[in-house]
Protein backbone atom coordinates (compact mmCIF):
# COMPACT_ATOMS: atom_id res chain seq x y z
CA MET A 1 0.00 0.00 0.00
CA PRO A 2 1.55 3.36 -1.01
CA GLU A 3 2.20 5.94 1.67
CA LEU A 4 0.93 9.50 1.64
CA ASP A 5 3.49 12.05 0.47
CA GLY A 6 3.08 14.68 3.17
CA PHE A 7 5.06 17.37 1.36
CA ALA A 8 3.11 16.96 -1.85
CA THR A 9 -0.17 17.05 0.06
CA LEU A 10 0.83 20.20 1.95
CA ARG A 11 1.87 21.83 -1.35
CA GLU A 12 -1.55 21.03 -2.81
CA ILE A 13 -3.30 22.49 0.23
CA GLY A 14 -1.19 25.63 -0.20
CA ASP A 15 -1.99 25.77 -3.91
CA HIS A 16 -5.74 25.58 -3.22
CA PRO A 17 -6.36 27.74 -0.13
CA ASP A 18 -9.99 28.48 -1.08
CA GLU A 19 -10.85 24.80 -0.76
CA PHE A 20 -9.55 24.80 2.82
CA ARG A 21 -10.87 28.15 4.19
CA ALA A 22 -13.19 26.30 6.56
CA ILE A 23 -10.17 24.96 8.45
CA ASP A 24 -7.82 27.98 8.32
CA ALA A 25 -7.20 27.92 12.07
CA ILE A 26 -6.32 24.22 12.01
CA ILE A 27 -3.93 24.70 9.10
CA ALA A 28 -2.21 27.65 10.83
CA LYS A 29 -1.87 25.63 14.05
CA ALA A 30 -0.46 22.63 12.16
CA ALA A 31 2.04 24.82 10.30
CA ARG A 32 3.14 26.42 13.58
CA GLU A 33 3.53 23.00 15.23
CA LEU A 34 5.60 21.68 12.31
CA ILE A 35 8.02 24.60 12.50
CA VAL A 36 8.33 24.32 16.30
CA LYS A 37 8.94 20.56 16.05
CA ARG A 38 11.69 21.19 13.51
CA LEU A 39 13.28 23.80 15.76
CA LYS A 40 13.16 21.43 18.72
CA HIS A 41 14.65 18.52 16.76
CA LYS A 42 17.80 17.19 18.43
CA SER A 43 19.96 17.64 15.32
CA LEU A 44 19.15 21.34 14.86
CA THR A 45 22.08 23.63 14.08
CA VAL A 46 22.17 27.39 13.54
CA GLN A 47 22.50 26.78 9.80
CA ASP A 48 19.40 24.52 9.87
CA ALA A 49 17.39 27.13 11.77
CA ARG A 50 18.49 29.83 9.31
CA ALA A 51 17.39 27.60 6.43
CA VAL A 52 13.99 26.99 8.05
CA ARG A 53 13.57 30.74 8.57
CA GLY A 54 14.49 31.37 4.94
CA ALA A 55 12.08 28.71 3.69
CA VAL A 56 9.14 29.93 5.77
CA GLY A 57 9.88 33.63 5.40
CA ASN A 58 11.02 36.08 8.05
CA GLU A 59 7.56 37.44 8.85
CA ALA A 60 5.93 34.04 9.36
CA PHE A 61 8.95 32.78 11.28
CA ASP A 62 8.89 35.80 13.60
CA LEU A 63 5.17 35.25 14.26
CA ILE A 64 5.92 31.65 15.23
CA THR A 65 8.85 32.54 17.51
CA ASP A 66 6.83 35.33 19.14
CA ASP A 67 4.29 32.69 20.14
CA LEU A 68 6.80 30.16 21.55
CA SER A 69 6.41 29.18 25.18
CA ALA A 70 9.24 30.24 27.51
CA ALA A 71 10.33 26.60 27.88
CA ASN A 72 10.45 25.96 24.13
CA LEU A 73 12.24 29.24 23.51
CA LYS A 74 14.90 28.51 26.13
CA SER A 75 15.35 24.97 24.79
CA ILE A 76 15.91 26.22 21.23
CA VAL A 77 18.26 29.06 22.20
CA THR A 78 20.27 26.75 24.46
CA LYS A 79 20.55 24.20 21.66
CA LEU A 80 21.76 26.83 19.18
CA ASP A 81 24.14 28.63 21.54
CA LYS A 82 25.16 26.06 24.17
CA HIS A 83 28.07 27.99 25.62
CA HIS A 84 26.57 31.48 26.00
CA ALA A 85 26.89 32.43 29.67
CA ALA A 86 23.83 34.73 29.72
CA THR A 87 21.38 32.07 28.54
CA LYS A 88 21.03 30.33 31.89
CA GLY A 89 19.41 33.17 33.84
CA SER A 90 17.97 35.09 30.90
CA THR A 91 14.43 36.27 30.29
CA PRO A 92 12.25 35.07 27.40
CA GLN A 93 12.55 38.56 25.90
CA TRP A 94 16.37 38.32 25.84
CA GLN A 95 16.18 34.75 24.47
CA ARG A 96 13.85 35.86 21.67
CA GLN A 97 16.21 38.73 20.74
CA HIS A 98 19.22 36.43 20.89
CA LEU A 99 17.47 33.84 18.69
CA ARG A 100 16.71 36.51 16.09
CA ALA A 101 20.30 37.76 16.21
CA LEU A 102 21.63 34.23 15.75
CA LEU A 103 19.35 33.59 12.78
CA GLU A 104 20.04 36.95 11.17
CA GLY A 105 23.76 36.29 11.48
CA THR A 106 24.49 39.42 13.52
CA VAL A 107 25.65 37.13 16.35
CA GLU A 108 27.37 33.77 16.08
CA PRO A 109 27.15 30.99 18.68
CA THR A 110 29.58 31.37 21.54
CA PRO A 111 32.52 28.98 21.11
CA LYS A 112 33.25 26.43 23.80
CA SER A 113 35.47 27.86 26.52
CA SER A 114 39.14 27.12 25.98
CA ARG A 115 39.60 26.48 29.68
CA SER A 116 40.36 22.89 30.39
CA LYS A 117 40.30 20.94 33.61
CA LYS A 118 44.11 20.83 33.59
CA ALA A 119 44.26 24.63 33.63
CA SER A 120 42.48 24.84 36.97
CA PRO A 121 44.70 25.12 40.05
CA PRO A 122 45.53 21.81 41.66
CA ALA A 123 43.43 20.78 44.61
CA LYS A 124 44.90 21.44 48.04
CA PRO A 125 46.53 18.37 49.52
CA PRO A 126 44.77 17.17 52.66
CA ALA A 127 46.14 18.39 55.96
CA THR A 128 48.90 16.15 57.18
CA SER A 129 47.90 13.90 60.01
CA PRO A 130 49.30 10.64 61.24
CA PRO A 131 48.57 7.94 58.70
CA ILE A 132 45.68 5.69 59.46
CA GLY A 133 45.65 2.17 58.23
CA PHE A 134 48.31 -0.43 57.77
CA LYS A 135 51.28 1.61 58.99
CA THR A 136 50.03 2.54 62.45
CA GLU A 137 51.56 1.22 65.65
CA ALA A 138 48.36 -0.67 66.51
CA MET A 139 48.51 -2.48 63.18
CA SER A 140 52.15 -3.44 63.80
CA VAL A 141 51.19 -4.96 67.16
CA PHE A 142 48.35 -6.88 65.48
CA ARG A 143 50.69 -8.26 62.82
CA GLU A 144 53.18 -9.39 65.48
CA SER A 145 50.39 -11.23 67.33
CA LEU A 146 49.46 -13.07 64.13
CA LYS A 147 53.05 -14.17 63.61
CA ARG A 148 53.12 -15.76 67.10
CA LYS A 149 50.18 -18.02 66.40
């Protein structure tokens, strides 16, 4: 049994909007959901998001991003700019502006910090105290008692 070609069907719906006026709201909601799902996809890169924005058009894309929930917005911005320090405690308004800047190309994703674990200062050695364990005087006495048996 042949499968439905979703892209072809959506193109046909777009080519015949008068036939689908009765369900305009449903079509708009479905289009919005498709774009959001694409933006939330785990493989999304800045280049992918820019391509989606270009395909949909800036005006439609901005309408969709203006309607994103705070959680979805933060998830998308964090995915696109993982290493930006301001993202963690930022407001949805800042995230929306940053997303637009990333997609317009006026800002590029923050590169991963060059600091490595080896660059951090070494941990303080523990305070010196008499060793506990096999080298204590009590342990030596115990060993001697075992040898006598």
